Every structure is written in C-alpha cells, then in structure tokens.
mmCIF file of all heavy atoms, coordinates in Angstrom:
data_MODEL
# 
_entry.id   MODEL 
# 
loop_
_atom_site.group_PDB 
_atom_site.id 
_atom_site.type_symbol 
_atom_site.label_atom_id 
_atom_site.label_alt_id 
_atom_site.label_comp_id 
_atom_site.label_asym_id 
_atom_site.label_entity_id 
_atom_site.label_seq_id 
_atom_site.pdbx_PDB_ins_code 
_atom_site.Cartn_x 
_atom_site.Cartn_y 
_atom_site.Cartn_z 
_atom_site.occupancy 
_atom_site.B_iso_or_equiv 
_atom_site.pdbx_formal_charge 
_atom_site.auth_seq_id 
_atom_site.auth_comp_id 
_atom_site.auth_asym_id 
_atom_site.auth_atom_id 
_atom_site.pdbx_PDB_model_num 
ATOM 1   N N   . ASP A 1 1  ? 221.996 117.840 115.462 1.00 0.00 ? 1  ASP A N   1 
ATOM 2   C CA  . ASP A 1 1  ? 222.781 116.577 115.510 1.00 0.00 ? 1  ASP A CA  1 
ATOM 3   C C   . ASP A 1 1  ? 224.284 116.810 115.338 1.00 0.00 ? 1  ASP A C   1 
ATOM 4   O O   . ASP A 1 1  ? 225.071 116.240 116.062 1.00 0.00 ? 1  ASP A O   1 
ATOM 5   C CB  . ASP A 1 1  ? 222.260 115.681 114.399 1.00 0.00 ? 1  ASP A CB  1 
ATOM 6   C CG  . ASP A 1 1  ? 222.736 114.234 114.549 1.00 0.00 ? 1  ASP A CG  1 
ATOM 7   O OD1 . ASP A 1 1  ? 222.979 113.790 115.665 1.00 0.00 ? 1  ASP A OD1 1 
ATOM 8   O OD2 . ASP A 1 1  ? 222.917 113.560 113.526 1.00 0.00 ? 1  ASP A OD2 1 
ATOM 9   N N   . ALA A 1 2  ? 224.608 117.841 114.511 1.00 0.00 ? 2  ALA A N   1 
ATOM 10  C CA  . ALA A 1 2  ? 226.006 118.139 114.318 1.00 0.00 ? 2  ALA A CA  1 
ATOM 11  C C   . ALA A 1 2  ? 226.642 118.602 115.629 1.00 0.00 ? 2  ALA A C   1 
ATOM 12  O O   . ALA A 1 2  ? 227.808 118.214 115.925 1.00 0.00 ? 2  ALA A O   1 
ATOM 13  C CB  . ALA A 1 2  ? 226.212 119.162 113.233 1.00 0.00 ? 2  ALA A CB  1 
ATOM 14  N N   . LEU A 1 3  ? 225.947 119.442 116.335 1.00 0.00 ? 3  LEU A N   1 
ATOM 15  C CA  . LEU A 1 3  ? 226.397 119.973 117.574 1.00 0.00 ? 3  LEU A CA  1 
ATOM 16  C C   . LEU A 1 3  ? 226.583 118.852 118.601 1.00 0.00 ? 3  LEU A C   1 
ATOM 17  O O   . LEU A 1 3  ? 227.586 118.798 119.353 1.00 0.00 ? 3  LEU A O   1 
ATOM 18  C CB  . LEU A 1 3  ? 225.547 121.034 118.164 1.00 0.00 ? 3  LEU A CB  1 
ATOM 19  C CG  . LEU A 1 3  ? 225.618 122.410 117.438 1.00 0.00 ? 3  LEU A CG  1 
ATOM 20  C CD1 . LEU A 1 3  ? 224.435 123.338 117.891 1.00 0.00 ? 3  LEU A CD1 1 
ATOM 21  C CD2 . LEU A 1 3  ? 226.975 123.127 117.782 1.00 0.00 ? 3  LEU A CD2 1 
ATOM 22  N N   . GLY A 1 4  ? 225.663 117.902 118.639 1.00 0.00 ? 4  GLY A N   1 
ATOM 23  C CA  . GLY A 1 4  ? 225.741 116.756 119.485 1.00 0.00 ? 4  GLY A CA  1 
ATOM 24  C C   . GLY A 1 4  ? 226.906 115.879 119.198 1.00 0.00 ? 4  GLY A C   1 
ATOM 25  O O   . GLY A 1 4  ? 227.702 115.479 120.144 1.00 0.00 ? 4  GLY A O   1 
ATOM 26  N N   . VAL A 1 5  ? 227.190 115.662 117.919 1.00 0.00 ? 5  VAL A N   1 
ATOM 27  C CA  . VAL A 1 5  ? 228.370 114.868 117.557 1.00 0.00 ? 5  VAL A CA  1 
ATOM 28  C C   . VAL A 1 5  ? 229.639 115.598 118.023 1.00 0.00 ? 5  VAL A C   1 
ATOM 29  O O   . VAL A 1 5  ? 230.615 115.088 118.514 1.00 0.00 ? 5  VAL A O   1 
ATOM 30  C CB  . VAL A 1 5  ? 228.274 114.475 116.068 1.00 0.00 ? 5  VAL A CB  1 
ATOM 31  C CG1 . VAL A 1 5  ? 229.636 113.810 115.667 1.00 0.00 ? 5  VAL A CG1 1 
ATOM 32  C CG2 . VAL A 1 5  ? 227.207 113.614 115.742 1.00 0.00 ? 5  VAL A CG2 1 
ATOM 33  N N   . ALA A 1 6  ? 229.661 116.962 117.657 1.00 0.00 ? 6  ALA A N   1 
ATOM 34  C CA  . ALA A 1 6  ? 230.869 117.711 117.963 1.00 0.00 ? 6  ALA A CA  1 
ATOM 35  C C   . ALA A 1 6  ? 231.259 117.663 119.458 1.00 0.00 ? 6  ALA A C   1 
ATOM 36  O O   . ALA A 1 6  ? 232.412 117.555 119.890 1.00 0.00 ? 6  ALA A O   1 
ATOM 37  C CB  . ALA A 1 6  ? 230.722 119.179 117.528 1.00 0.00 ? 6  ALA A CB  1 
ATOM 38  N N   . ASN A 1 7  ? 230.203 117.772 120.285 1.00 0.00 ? 7  ASN A N   1 
ATOM 39  C CA  . ASN A 1 7  ? 230.424 117.803 121.718 1.00 0.00 ? 7  ASN A CA  1 
ATOM 40  C C   . ASN A 1 7  ? 230.679 116.457 122.388 1.00 0.00 ? 7  ASN A C   1 
ATOM 41  O O   . ASN A 1 7  ? 230.899 116.427 123.571 1.00 0.00 ? 7  ASN A O   1 
ATOM 42  C CB  . ASN A 1 7  ? 229.292 118.626 122.436 1.00 0.00 ? 7  ASN A CB  1 
ATOM 43  C CG  . ASN A 1 7  ? 229.349 120.134 122.120 1.00 0.00 ? 7  ASN A CG  1 
ATOM 44  O OD1 . ASN A 1 7  ? 230.381 120.638 121.835 1.00 0.00 ? 7  ASN A OD1 1 
ATOM 45  N ND2 . ASN A 1 7  ? 228.160 120.764 122.254 1.00 0.00 ? 7  ASN A ND2 1 
ATOM 46  N N   . ALA A 1 8  ? 230.462 115.426 121.645 1.00 0.00 ? 8  ALA A N   1 
ATOM 47  C CA  . ALA A 1 8  ? 230.581 114.015 122.188 1.00 0.00 ? 8  ALA A CA  1 
ATOM 48  C C   . ALA A 1 8  ? 231.985 113.662 122.202 1.00 0.00 ? 8  ALA A C   1 
ATOM 49  O O   . ALA A 1 8  ? 232.452 112.645 121.522 1.00 0.00 ? 8  ALA A O   1 
ATOM 50  C CB  . ALA A 1 8  ? 229.717 113.069 121.342 1.00 0.00 ? 8  ALA A CB  1 
ATOM 51  N N   . SER A 1 9  ? 232.804 114.424 122.919 1.00 0.00 ? 9  SER A N   1 
ATOM 52  C CA  . SER A 1 9  ? 234.287 114.172 122.943 1.00 0.00 ? 9  SER A CA  1 
ATOM 53  C C   . SER A 1 9  ? 234.772 114.578 124.318 1.00 0.00 ? 9  SER A C   1 
ATOM 54  O O   . SER A 1 9  ? 234.247 115.520 124.934 1.00 0.00 ? 9  SER A O   1 
ATOM 55  C CB  . SER A 1 9  ? 234.939 115.025 121.862 1.00 0.00 ? 9  SER A CB  1 
ATOM 56  O OG  . SER A 1 9  ? 236.398 114.955 122.083 1.00 0.00 ? 9  SER A OG  1 
ATOM 57  N N   . SER A 1 10 ? 235.831 113.970 124.778 1.00 0.00 ? 10 SER A N   1 
ATOM 58  C CA  . SER A 1 10 ? 236.409 114.302 125.991 1.00 0.00 ? 10 SER A CA  1 
ATOM 59  C C   . SER A 1 10 ? 237.215 115.557 125.856 1.00 0.00 ? 10 SER A C   1 
ATOM 60  O O   . SER A 1 10 ? 237.743 116.216 126.872 1.00 0.00 ? 10 SER A O   1 
ATOM 61  C CB  . SER A 1 10 ? 237.306 113.149 126.564 1.00 0.00 ? 10 SER A CB  1 
ATOM 62  O OG  . SER A 1 10 ? 238.349 112.901 125.696 1.00 0.00 ? 10 SER A OG  1 
ATOM 63  N N   . PHE A 1 11 ? 237.582 115.938 124.624 1.00 0.00 ? 11 PHE A N   1 
ATOM 64  C CA  . PHE A 1 11 ? 238.380 117.069 124.334 1.00 0.00 ? 11 PHE A CA  1 
ATOM 65  C C   . PHE A 1 11 ? 237.601 118.274 124.184 1.00 0.00 ? 11 PHE A C   1 
ATOM 66  O O   . PHE A 1 11 ? 236.379 118.254 123.796 1.00 0.00 ? 11 PHE A O   1 
ATOM 67  C CB  . PHE A 1 11 ? 239.264 116.783 123.127 1.00 0.00 ? 11 PHE A CB  1 
ATOM 68  C CG  . PHE A 1 11 ? 240.253 115.645 123.186 1.00 0.00 ? 11 PHE A CG  1 
ATOM 69  C CD1 . PHE A 1 11 ? 240.023 114.481 122.609 1.00 0.00 ? 11 PHE A CD1 1 
ATOM 70  C CD2 . PHE A 1 11 ? 241.395 115.869 124.010 1.00 0.00 ? 11 PHE A CD2 1 
ATOM 71  C CE1 . PHE A 1 11 ? 240.872 113.414 122.812 1.00 0.00 ? 11 PHE A CE1 1 
ATOM 72  C CE2 . PHE A 1 11 ? 242.325 114.843 124.154 1.00 0.00 ? 11 PHE A CE2 1 
ATOM 73  C CZ  . PHE A 1 11 ? 242.130 113.596 123.570 1.00 0.00 ? 11 PHE A CZ  1 
ATOM 74  N N   . GLY A 1 12 ? 238.179 119.498 124.363 1.00 0.00 ? 12 GLY A N   1 
ATOM 75  C CA  . GLY A 1 12 ? 237.473 120.695 124.035 1.00 0.00 ? 12 GLY A CA  1 
ATOM 76  C C   . GLY A 1 12 ? 238.471 121.896 123.725 1.00 0.00 ? 12 GLY A C   1 
ATOM 77  O O   . GLY A 1 12 ? 238.423 122.908 124.457 1.00 0.00 ? 12 GLY A O   1 
ATOM 78  N N   . LEU A 1 13 ? 239.185 121.653 122.717 1.00 0.00 ? 13 LEU A N   1 
ATOM 79  C CA  . LEU A 1 13 ? 240.212 122.638 122.417 1.00 0.00 ? 13 LEU A CA  1 
ATOM 80  C C   . LEU A 1 13 ? 239.651 123.792 121.479 1.00 0.00 ? 13 LEU A C   1 
ATOM 81  O O   . LEU A 1 13 ? 239.532 124.912 121.851 1.00 0.00 ? 13 LEU A O   1 
ATOM 82  C CB  . LEU A 1 13 ? 241.453 121.995 121.818 1.00 0.00 ? 13 LEU A CB  1 
ATOM 83  C CG  . LEU A 1 13 ? 242.704 122.805 121.661 1.00 0.00 ? 13 LEU A CG  1 
ATOM 84  C CD1 . LEU A 1 13 ? 243.077 123.568 122.992 1.00 0.00 ? 13 LEU A CD1 1 
ATOM 85  C CD2 . LEU A 1 13 ? 243.862 122.218 121.041 1.00 0.00 ? 13 LEU A CD2 1 
ATOM 86  N N   . ALA A 1 14 ? 239.223 123.403 120.283 1.00 0.00 ? 14 ALA A N   1 
ATOM 87  C CA  . ALA A 1 14 ? 238.815 124.309 119.323 1.00 0.00 ? 14 ALA A CA  1 
ATOM 88  C C   . ALA A 1 14 ? 237.825 123.741 118.349 1.00 0.00 ? 14 ALA A C   1 
ATOM 89  O O   . ALA A 1 14 ? 237.736 122.449 118.225 1.00 0.00 ? 14 ALA A O   1 
ATOM 90  C CB  . ALA A 1 14 ? 239.937 125.005 118.532 1.00 0.00 ? 14 ALA A CB  1 
ATOM 91  N N   . ALA A 1 15 ? 237.127 124.502 117.576 1.00 0.00 ? 15 ALA A N   1 
ATOM 92  C CA  . ALA A 1 15 ? 236.190 123.978 116.528 1.00 0.00 ? 15 ALA A CA  1 
ATOM 93  C C   . ALA A 1 15 ? 236.113 125.011 115.436 1.00 0.00 ? 15 ALA A C   1 
ATOM 94  O O   . ALA A 1 15 ? 236.270 126.202 115.594 1.00 0.00 ? 15 ALA A O   1 
ATOM 95  C CB  . ALA A 1 15 ? 234.851 123.865 117.173 1.00 0.00 ? 15 ALA A CB  1 
ATOM 96  N N   . SER A 1 16 ? 235.786 124.548 114.219 1.00 0.00 ? 16 SER A N   1 
ATOM 97  C CA  . SER A 1 16 ? 235.501 125.297 113.001 1.00 0.00 ? 16 SER A CA  1 
ATOM 98  C C   . SER A 1 16 ? 234.181 125.068 112.603 1.00 0.00 ? 16 SER A C   1 
ATOM 99  O O   . SER A 1 16 ? 233.710 123.847 112.446 1.00 0.00 ? 16 SER A O   1 
ATOM 100 C CB  . SER A 1 16 ? 236.623 124.966 111.941 1.00 0.00 ? 16 SER A CB  1 
ATOM 101 O OG  . SER A 1 16 ? 236.341 125.720 110.782 1.00 0.00 ? 16 SER A OG  1 
ATOM 102 N N   . VAL A 1 17 ? 233.412 126.100 112.246 1.00 0.00 ? 17 VAL A N   1 
ATOM 103 C CA  . VAL A 1 17 ? 231.982 126.007 111.820 1.00 0.00 ? 17 VAL A CA  1 
ATOM 104 C C   . VAL A 1 17 ? 231.862 126.741 110.427 1.00 0.00 ? 17 VAL A C   1 
ATOM 105 O O   . VAL A 1 17 ? 232.358 127.825 110.282 1.00 0.00 ? 17 VAL A O   1 
ATOM 106 C CB  . VAL A 1 17 ? 231.091 126.645 112.831 1.00 0.00 ? 17 VAL A CB  1 
ATOM 107 C CG1 . VAL A 1 17 ? 229.636 126.518 112.362 1.00 0.00 ? 17 VAL A CG1 1 
ATOM 108 C CG2 . VAL A 1 17 ? 231.189 125.986 114.192 1.00 0.00 ? 17 VAL A CG2 1 
ATOM 109 N N   . TRP A 1 18 ? 231.164 125.983 109.573 1.00 0.00 ? 18 TRP A N   1 
ATOM 110 C CA  . TRP A 1 18 ? 230.965 126.545 108.244 1.00 0.00 ? 18 TRP A CA  1 
ATOM 111 C C   . TRP A 1 18 ? 229.396 126.758 107.980 1.00 0.00 ? 18 TRP A C   1 
ATOM 112 O O   . TRP A 1 18 ? 228.736 125.913 107.905 1.00 0.00 ? 18 TRP A O   1 
ATOM 113 C CB  . TRP A 1 18 ? 231.569 125.610 107.139 1.00 0.00 ? 18 TRP A CB  1 
ATOM 114 C CG  . TRP A 1 18 ? 233.141 125.687 107.320 1.00 0.00 ? 18 TRP A CG  1 
ATOM 115 C CD1 . TRP A 1 18 ? 233.845 125.094 108.284 1.00 0.00 ? 18 TRP A CD1 1 
ATOM 116 C CD2 . TRP A 1 18 ? 233.969 126.434 106.525 1.00 0.00 ? 18 TRP A CD2 1 
ATOM 117 N NE1 . TRP A 1 18 ? 235.149 125.373 108.152 1.00 0.00 ? 18 TRP A NE1 1 
ATOM 118 C CE2 . TRP A 1 18 ? 235.312 126.210 107.087 1.00 0.00 ? 18 TRP A CE2 1 
ATOM 119 C CE3 . TRP A 1 18 ? 233.888 127.257 105.400 1.00 0.00 ? 18 TRP A CE3 1 
ATOM 120 C CZ2 . TRP A 1 18 ? 236.453 126.841 106.539 1.00 0.00 ? 18 TRP A CZ2 1 
ATOM 121 C CZ3 . TRP A 1 18 ? 234.984 127.835 104.845 1.00 0.00 ? 18 TRP A CZ3 1 
ATOM 122 C CH2 . TRP A 1 18 ? 236.265 127.669 105.476 1.00 0.00 ? 18 TRP A CH2 1 
ATOM 123 N N   . THR A 1 19 ? 229.096 128.014 107.762 1.00 0.00 ? 19 THR A N   1 
ATOM 124 C CA  . THR A 1 19 ? 227.709 128.423 107.609 1.00 0.00 ? 19 THR A CA  1 
ATOM 125 C C   . THR A 1 19 ? 227.709 129.837 107.074 1.00 0.00 ? 19 THR A C   1 
ATOM 126 O O   . THR A 1 19 ? 228.598 130.621 107.429 1.00 0.00 ? 19 THR A O   1 
ATOM 127 C CB  . THR A 1 19 ? 226.947 128.382 108.917 1.00 0.00 ? 19 THR A CB  1 
ATOM 128 O OG1 . THR A 1 19 ? 225.618 128.824 108.708 1.00 0.00 ? 19 THR A OG1 1 
ATOM 129 C CG2 . THR A 1 19 ? 227.522 129.253 110.005 1.00 0.00 ? 19 THR A CG2 1 
ATOM 130 N N   . ARG A 1 20 ? 226.603 130.133 106.390 1.00 0.00 ? 20 ARG A N   1 
ATOM 131 C CA  . ARG A 1 20 ? 226.448 131.595 105.909 1.00 0.00 ? 20 ARG A CA  1 
ATOM 132 C C   . ARG A 1 20 ? 225.213 132.204 106.590 1.00 0.00 ? 20 ARG A C   1 
ATOM 133 O O   . ARG A 1 20 ? 224.843 133.304 106.171 1.00 0.00 ? 20 ARG A O   1 
ATOM 134 C CB  . ARG A 1 20 ? 226.154 131.593 104.351 1.00 0.00 ? 20 ARG A CB  1 
ATOM 135 C CG  . ARG A 1 20 ? 227.543 131.371 103.616 1.00 0.00 ? 20 ARG A CG  1 
ATOM 136 C CD  . ARG A 1 20 ? 227.391 131.442 102.108 1.00 0.00 ? 20 ARG A CD  1 
ATOM 137 N NE  . ARG A 1 20 ? 226.992 130.192 101.483 1.00 0.00 ? 20 ARG A NE  1 
ATOM 138 C CZ  . ARG A 1 20 ? 227.210 129.841 100.290 1.00 0.00 ? 20 ARG A CZ  1 
ATOM 139 N NH1 . ARG A 1 20 ? 227.958 130.577 99.499  1.00 0.00 ? 20 ARG A NH1 1 
ATOM 140 N NH2 . ARG A 1 20 ? 226.843 128.687 99.776  1.00 0.00 ? 20 ARG A NH2 1 
ATOM 141 N N   . ASP A 1 21 ? 224.747 131.510 107.684 1.00 0.00 ? 21 ASP A N   1 
ATOM 142 C CA  . ASP A 1 21 ? 223.627 131.936 108.484 1.00 0.00 ? 21 ASP A CA  1 
ATOM 143 C C   . ASP A 1 21 ? 224.226 132.540 109.780 1.00 0.00 ? 21 ASP A C   1 
ATOM 144 O O   . ASP A 1 21 ? 224.821 131.808 110.605 1.00 0.00 ? 21 ASP A O   1 
ATOM 145 C CB  . ASP A 1 21 ? 222.715 130.755 108.698 1.00 0.00 ? 21 ASP A CB  1 
ATOM 146 C CG  . ASP A 1 21 ? 221.457 131.156 109.458 1.00 0.00 ? 21 ASP A CG  1 
ATOM 147 O OD1 . ASP A 1 21 ? 221.581 132.037 110.452 1.00 0.00 ? 21 ASP A OD1 1 
ATOM 148 O OD2 . ASP A 1 21 ? 220.391 130.668 109.140 1.00 0.00 ? 21 ASP A OD2 1 
ATOM 149 N N   . ARG A 1 22 ? 224.087 133.860 109.997 1.00 0.00 ? 22 ARG A N   1 
ATOM 150 C CA  . ARG A 1 22 ? 224.686 134.494 111.112 1.00 0.00 ? 22 ARG A CA  1 
ATOM 151 C C   . ARG A 1 22 ? 224.077 133.974 112.446 1.00 0.00 ? 22 ARG A C   1 
ATOM 152 O O   . ARG A 1 22 ? 224.772 133.731 113.426 1.00 0.00 ? 22 ARG A O   1 
ATOM 153 C CB  . ARG A 1 22 ? 224.377 135.975 111.119 1.00 0.00 ? 22 ARG A CB  1 
ATOM 154 C CG  . ARG A 1 22 ? 225.005 136.822 112.275 1.00 0.00 ? 22 ARG A CG  1 
ATOM 155 C CD  . ARG A 1 22 ? 224.812 138.270 112.071 1.00 0.00 ? 22 ARG A CD  1 
ATOM 156 N NE  . ARG A 1 22 ? 225.735 138.739 111.012 1.00 0.00 ? 22 ARG A NE  1 
ATOM 157 C CZ  . ARG A 1 22 ? 227.120 139.009 111.227 1.00 0.00 ? 22 ARG A CZ  1 
ATOM 158 N NH1 . ARG A 1 22 ? 227.519 138.886 112.405 1.00 0.00 ? 22 ARG A NH1 1 
ATOM 159 N NH2 . ARG A 1 22 ? 227.718 139.471 110.239 1.00 0.00 ? 22 ARG A NH2 1 
ATOM 160 N N   . ALA A 1 23 ? 222.725 133.793 112.484 1.00 0.00 ? 23 ALA A N   1 
ATOM 161 C CA  . ALA A 1 23 ? 222.162 133.182 113.705 1.00 0.00 ? 23 ALA A CA  1 
ATOM 162 C C   . ALA A 1 23 ? 222.670 131.811 113.999 1.00 0.00 ? 23 ALA A C   1 
ATOM 163 O O   . ALA A 1 23 ? 222.967 131.487 115.184 1.00 0.00 ? 23 ALA A O   1 
ATOM 164 C CB  . ALA A 1 23 ? 220.624 133.209 113.567 1.00 0.00 ? 23 ALA A CB  1 
ATOM 165 N N   . GLU A 1 24 ? 222.803 131.020 113.011 1.00 0.00 ? 24 GLU A N   1 
ATOM 166 C CA  . GLU A 1 24 ? 223.377 129.640 113.138 1.00 0.00 ? 24 GLU A CA  1 
ATOM 167 C C   . GLU A 1 24 ? 224.767 129.714 113.634 1.00 0.00 ? 24 GLU A C   1 
ATOM 168 O O   . GLU A 1 24 ? 225.212 128.947 114.547 1.00 0.00 ? 24 GLU A O   1 
ATOM 169 C CB  . GLU A 1 24 ? 223.314 128.882 111.834 1.00 0.00 ? 24 GLU A CB  1 
ATOM 170 C CG  . GLU A 1 24 ? 223.512 127.416 111.926 1.00 0.00 ? 24 GLU A CG  1 
ATOM 171 C CD  . GLU A 1 24 ? 223.170 126.662 110.639 1.00 0.00 ? 24 GLU A CD  1 
ATOM 172 O OE1 . GLU A 1 24 ? 223.669 127.050 109.643 1.00 0.00 ? 24 GLU A OE1 1 
ATOM 173 O OE2 . GLU A 1 24 ? 222.258 125.737 110.696 1.00 0.00 ? 24 GLU A OE2 1 
ATOM 174 N N   . ALA A 1 25 ? 225.566 130.641 113.111 1.00 0.00 ? 25 ALA A N   1 
ATOM 175 C CA  . ALA A 1 25 ? 226.979 130.755 113.537 1.00 0.00 ? 25 ALA A CA  1 
ATOM 176 C C   . ALA A 1 25 ? 227.016 131.176 115.075 1.00 0.00 ? 25 ALA A C   1 
ATOM 177 O O   . ALA A 1 25 ? 227.761 130.695 115.817 1.00 0.00 ? 25 ALA A O   1 
ATOM 178 C CB  . ALA A 1 25 ? 227.735 131.853 112.723 1.00 0.00 ? 25 ALA A CB  1 
ATOM 179 N N   . GLU A 1 26 ? 226.131 132.128 115.422 1.00 0.00 ? 26 GLU A N   1 
ATOM 180 C CA  . GLU A 1 26 ? 226.157 132.530 116.814 1.00 0.00 ? 26 GLU A CA  1 
ATOM 181 C C   . GLU A 1 26 ? 225.709 131.356 117.769 1.00 0.00 ? 26 GLU A C   1 
ATOM 182 O O   . GLU A 1 26 ? 226.252 131.202 118.812 1.00 0.00 ? 26 GLU A O   1 
ATOM 183 C CB  . GLU A 1 26 ? 225.211 133.739 116.959 1.00 0.00 ? 26 GLU A CB  1 
ATOM 184 C CG  . GLU A 1 26 ? 224.866 134.139 118.401 1.00 0.00 ? 26 GLU A CG  1 
ATOM 185 C CD  . GLU A 1 26 ? 226.136 134.398 119.203 1.00 0.00 ? 26 GLU A CD  1 
ATOM 186 O OE1 . GLU A 1 26 ? 227.153 134.983 118.633 1.00 0.00 ? 26 GLU A OE1 1 
ATOM 187 O OE2 . GLU A 1 26 ? 226.162 134.085 120.466 1.00 0.00 ? 26 GLU A OE2 1 
ATOM 188 N N   . ARG A 1 27 ? 224.794 130.603 117.344 1.00 0.00 ? 27 ARG A N   1 
ATOM 189 C CA  . ARG A 1 27 ? 224.384 129.483 118.151 1.00 0.00 ? 27 ARG A CA  1 
ATOM 190 C C   . ARG A 1 27 ? 225.439 128.496 118.354 1.00 0.00 ? 27 ARG A C   1 
ATOM 191 O O   . ARG A 1 27 ? 225.783 127.970 119.352 1.00 0.00 ? 27 ARG A O   1 
ATOM 192 C CB  . ARG A 1 27 ? 223.160 128.739 117.427 1.00 0.00 ? 27 ARG A CB  1 
ATOM 193 C CG  . ARG A 1 27 ? 222.675 127.512 118.237 1.00 0.00 ? 27 ARG A CG  1 
ATOM 194 C CD  . ARG A 1 27 ? 221.712 126.567 117.471 1.00 0.00 ? 27 ARG A CD  1 
ATOM 195 N NE  . ARG A 1 27 ? 221.473 125.434 118.323 1.00 0.00 ? 27 ARG A NE  1 
ATOM 196 C CZ  . ARG A 1 27 ? 220.807 124.397 117.826 1.00 0.00 ? 27 ARG A CZ  1 
ATOM 197 N NH1 . ARG A 1 27 ? 220.285 124.351 116.576 1.00 0.00 ? 27 ARG A NH1 1 
ATOM 198 N NH2 . ARG A 1 27 ? 220.629 123.386 118.625 1.00 0.00 ? 27 ARG A NH2 1 
# 
C-alpha cells in the first residue's frame, strides 16, 4: 500500500525509504 501511495503522483524525482529489511529496501 505504501508503494501504491508513493507512486500515485505525476512527479517522479526522488524518494526516501526507511527499513531495516534488506529485501524490502531492494524491492
């Protein structure tokens, strides 16, 4: 859901992700 909200934008400059899960960070 978080990825869906993040991508629901006409903009696409940059993003910051906070996680301690390496696989989740890669995804």
